Amino acid sequence: MLAPAIGDYKIKWTGIGVAFVQLISQYHVSKKEYNPIFLLHGTVTEFKDIPTVQVKFRLPNDSSSTMFLLEVKAPTGFVFTKSLVEGQFAEALLEGKVEEGGFVSIVRYDIKEGGQRIQLYVDPKVSTKDFKLHLPLEFRFIVYNRMPAQITLLDYYNPSLRETIFYYFTSIDESKNELISVD
């Protein structure tokens, strides 16, 4: 197990097996602070006994854009699956909470990289300007010392209007597949 610190590492192995390595690379990182355009916030919570990424954001009132792209990366060891995401959409629709959660504004979604990333296309003209989405996760394998995962929201037709944040996975009892709250 490597220490969760910035540094140069070499990883070498021999033999048969599977290894999972989580790396984050940063290039040309500046110290400039950006204003939170969308008030984007993300956390991992448990929603109806399923670990989910809860994403909250607010679209600007003065925007003339007709499409926004929300991209959420799953924490290492978890994936987004079509069945869970569609189940969440269907449940919100059945319970009549579509407008409340912002799901009515999602006109399309794509799951990429084997479930590691989900892209949601948001039409701001359909619904509210305040959004709160629960994106369900499926547990795949144990990972210790997880690094933060990324959420990006951008104006589809003006990508320079964007906000990126990182959310932290608190912890999970992987033997029971239960979320443990750490605040």
Protein backbone atom coordinates (compact mmCIF):
# COMPACT_ATOMS: atom_id res chain seq x y z
CA MET A 1 0.00 0.00 0.00
CA LEU A 2 1.45 3.39 -1.01
CA ALA A 3 1.21 6.43 1.22
CA PRO A 4 -1.39 8.94 -0.05
CA ALA A 5 1.22 11.62 -0.74
CA ILE A 6 2.44 13.59 -3.72
CA GLY A 7 5.58 12.08 -5.17
CA ASP A 8 7.23 10.05 -7.90
CA TYR A 9 6.43 6.35 -7.82
CA LYS A 10 7.42 3.32 -9.84
CA ILE A 11 5.17 0.30 -9.76
CA LYS A 12 6.52 -3.07 -10.81
CA TRP A 13 5.07 -6.53 -10.49
CA THR A 14 5.63 -10.00 -11.85
CA GLY A 15 3.44 -13.04 -12.09
CA ILE A 16 -0.21 -13.61 -12.84
CA GLY A 17 -2.96 -11.57 -11.22
CA VAL A 18 -4.85 -8.31 -11.20
CA ALA A 19 -3.72 -5.00 -9.74
CA PHE A 20 -5.74 -1.82 -9.29
CA VAL A 21 -3.77 1.41 -9.15
CA GLN A 22 -5.40 4.82 -8.69
CA LEU A 23 -3.37 7.77 -9.95
CA ILE A 24 -4.14 11.45 -10.28
CA SER A 25 -1.91 13.59 -12.48
CA GLN A 26 -1.92 17.37 -12.53
CA TYR A 27 -0.21 19.57 -15.08
CA HIS A 28 0.05 23.35 -15.21
CA VAL A 29 -1.79 23.79 -11.94
CA SER A 30 -2.20 27.44 -11.08
CA LYS A 31 -3.04 29.02 -7.76
CA LYS A 32 -5.91 31.03 -9.25
CA GLU A 33 -9.20 30.71 -7.39
CA TYR A 34 -12.34 30.64 -9.52
CA ASN A 35 -15.77 31.81 -8.50
CA PRO A 36 -18.23 28.96 -8.01
CA ILE A 37 -20.42 29.62 -11.05
CA PHE A 38 -22.92 26.84 -10.41
CA LEU A 39 -22.52 26.38 -6.62
CA LEU A 40 -21.64 22.78 -7.48
CA HIS A 41 -21.51 20.34 -4.56
CA GLY A 42 -21.10 16.57 -4.42
CA THR A 43 -21.09 13.96 -1.67
CA VAL A 44 -21.51 10.22 -1.35
CA THR A 45 -24.59 9.35 0.66
CA GLU A 46 -26.89 6.43 1.12
CA PHE A 47 -30.25 6.85 -0.61
CA LYS A 48 -32.81 4.07 -0.15
CA ASP A 49 -30.06 1.68 1.02
CA ILE A 50 -27.91 2.26 -2.09
CA PRO A 51 -24.68 4.29 -2.08
CA THR A 52 -25.22 7.31 -4.33
CA VAL A 53 -23.41 10.42 -5.44
CA GLN A 54 -25.60 13.34 -4.45
CA VAL A 55 -24.96 16.28 -6.77
CA LYS A 56 -26.40 19.75 -6.13
CA PHE A 57 -26.03 22.74 -8.41
CA ARG A 58 -27.77 25.91 -9.55
CA LEU A 59 -27.92 27.06 -13.14
CA PRO A 60 -27.47 30.81 -13.73
CA ASN A 61 -30.69 32.80 -14.23
CA ASP A 62 -29.12 35.02 -16.87
CA SER A 63 -27.85 32.16 -19.02
CA SER A 64 -29.11 31.86 -22.58
CA SER A 65 -27.64 28.39 -22.99
CA THR A 66 -29.87 25.56 -24.12
CA MET A 67 -27.73 22.69 -22.78
CA PHE A 68 -25.41 21.95 -19.88
CA LEU A 69 -23.22 18.87 -19.43
CA LEU A 70 -22.76 17.34 -15.98
CA GLU A 71 -19.94 14.81 -15.81
CA VAL A 72 -19.50 12.73 -12.65
CA LYS A 73 -16.67 10.27 -12.04
CA ALA A 74 -17.29 7.34 -9.72
CA PRO A 75 -15.04 6.74 -6.73
CA THR A 76 -12.52 3.97 -7.34
CA GLY A 77 -14.11 0.60 -6.61
CA PHE A 78 -17.58 1.75 -7.70
CA VAL A 79 -19.30 2.15 -11.07
CA PHE A 80 -22.44 3.67 -12.49
CA THR A 81 -24.69 1.09 -14.17
CA LYS A 82 -27.50 1.58 -16.64
CA SER A 83 -29.94 -0.52 -14.60
CA LEU A 84 -29.41 1.49 -11.40
CA VAL A 85 -29.54 4.87 -13.14
CA GLU A 86 -32.68 4.00 -15.11
CA GLY A 87 -34.21 2.56 -11.94
CA GLN A 88 -33.59 5.89 -10.20
CA PHE A 89 -35.22 7.79 -13.09
CA ALA A 90 -38.22 5.43 -13.12
CA GLU A 91 -38.67 5.58 -9.34
CA ALA A 92 -38.58 9.39 -9.36
CA LEU A 93 -41.16 9.36 -12.16
CA LEU A 94 -43.47 6.93 -10.33
CA GLU A 95 -43.27 8.87 -7.07
CA GLY A 96 -44.00 12.14 -8.86
CA LYS A 97 -40.71 13.63 -7.66
CA VAL A 98 -39.21 14.17 -11.09
CA GLU A 99 -39.40 17.95 -10.99
CA GLU A 100 -38.25 18.08 -7.38
CA GLY A 101 -35.05 16.18 -8.14
CA GLY A 102 -34.35 17.74 -11.51
CA PHE A 103 -34.61 14.45 -13.43
CA VAL A 104 -37.13 15.93 -15.86
CA SER A 105 -34.36 18.22 -17.13
CA ILE A 106 -32.06 15.31 -17.97
CA VAL A 107 -32.62 14.77 -21.69
CA ARG A 108 -29.89 12.16 -22.17
CA TYR A 109 -27.18 10.34 -20.28
CA ASP A 110 -24.14 8.30 -21.29
CA ILE A 111 -22.14 5.90 -19.15
CA LYS A 112 -18.48 5.85 -20.20
CA GLU A 113 -15.26 4.05 -19.31
CA GLY A 114 -16.95 0.87 -18.09
CA GLY A 115 -19.11 2.78 -15.63
CA GLN A 116 -16.36 4.99 -14.23
CA ARG A 117 -17.94 8.15 -15.64
CA ILE A 118 -21.49 9.31 -16.31
CA GLN A 119 -22.43 12.27 -18.49
CA LEU A 120 -25.83 13.89 -18.00
CA TYR A 121 -27.19 16.38 -20.52
CA VAL A 122 -29.27 19.03 -18.74
CA ASP A 123 -31.85 21.17 -20.56
CA PRO A 124 -32.29 24.32 -18.40
CA LYS A 125 -35.54 25.34 -20.12
CA VAL A 126 -37.49 22.25 -19.00
CA SER A 127 -37.45 22.60 -15.25
CA THR A 128 -36.12 24.36 -12.20
CA LYS A 129 -32.78 26.15 -11.86
CA ASP A 130 -31.90 24.32 -8.61
CA PHE A 131 -30.92 20.69 -8.97
CA LYS A 132 -30.40 17.83 -6.56
CA LEU A 133 -29.67 14.45 -8.14
CA HIS A 134 -28.95 11.08 -6.56
CA LEU A 135 -26.81 8.96 -8.90
CA PRO A 136 -26.66 5.35 -7.65
CA LEU A 137 -23.35 3.49 -7.43
CA GLU A 138 -22.63 -0.22 -7.67
CA PHE A 139 -19.86 -1.62 -5.47
CA ARG A 140 -17.20 -3.60 -7.38
CA PHE A 141 -14.02 -3.99 -5.30
CA ILE A 142 -12.28 -2.85 -2.11
CA VAL A 143 -9.96 0.14 -2.29
CA TYR A 144 -8.20 1.76 0.66
CA ASN A 145 -7.21 5.43 0.84
CA ARG A 146 -9.45 6.47 -2.05
CA MET A 147 -8.58 9.72 -3.75
CA PRO A 148 -11.33 12.28 -4.37
CA ALA A 149 -13.47 11.90 -7.49
CA GLN A 150 -14.29 14.70 -9.91
CA ILE A 151 -17.53 16.42 -10.90
CA THR A 152 -17.61 18.93 -13.75
CA LEU A 153 -20.54 21.05 -14.93
CA LEU A 154 -20.17 23.11 -18.08
CA ASP A 155 -22.18 25.05 -20.59
CA TYR A 156 -22.29 22.69 -23.57
CA TYR A 157 -22.10 25.49 -26.16
CA ASN A 158 -19.68 27.65 -24.19
CA PRO A 159 -17.25 25.22 -22.48
CA SER A 160 -15.23 28.06 -20.94
CA LEU A 161 -18.19 28.48 -18.54
CA ARG A 162 -17.40 25.52 -16.28
CA GLU A 163 -16.93 24.50 -12.69
CA THR A 164 -15.01 21.46 -11.46
CA ILE A 165 -15.01 20.16 -7.90
CA PHE A 166 -13.79 17.04 -6.16
CA TYR A 167 -15.93 15.05 -3.77
CA TYR A 168 -14.62 12.73 -1.12
CA PHE A 169 -15.83 9.26 -0.44
CA THR A 170 -16.23 9.01 3.34
CA SER A 171 -15.81 5.28 3.89
CA ILE A 172 -17.70 2.07 3.51
CA ASP A 173 -17.80 -1.24 5.33
CA GLU A 174 -17.03 -3.28 2.22
CA SER A 175 -17.64 -6.59 3.92
CA LYS A 176 -21.28 -5.58 4.42
CA ASN A 177 -21.44 -3.09 1.52
CA GLU A 178 -22.79 -0.42 3.89
CA LEU A 179 -21.93 3.26 3.93
CA ILE A 180 -20.41 4.61 7.14
CA SER A 181 -21.03 8.33 7.65
CA VAL A 182 -18.00 10.35 8.62
CA ASP A 183 -18.73 14.07 9.05
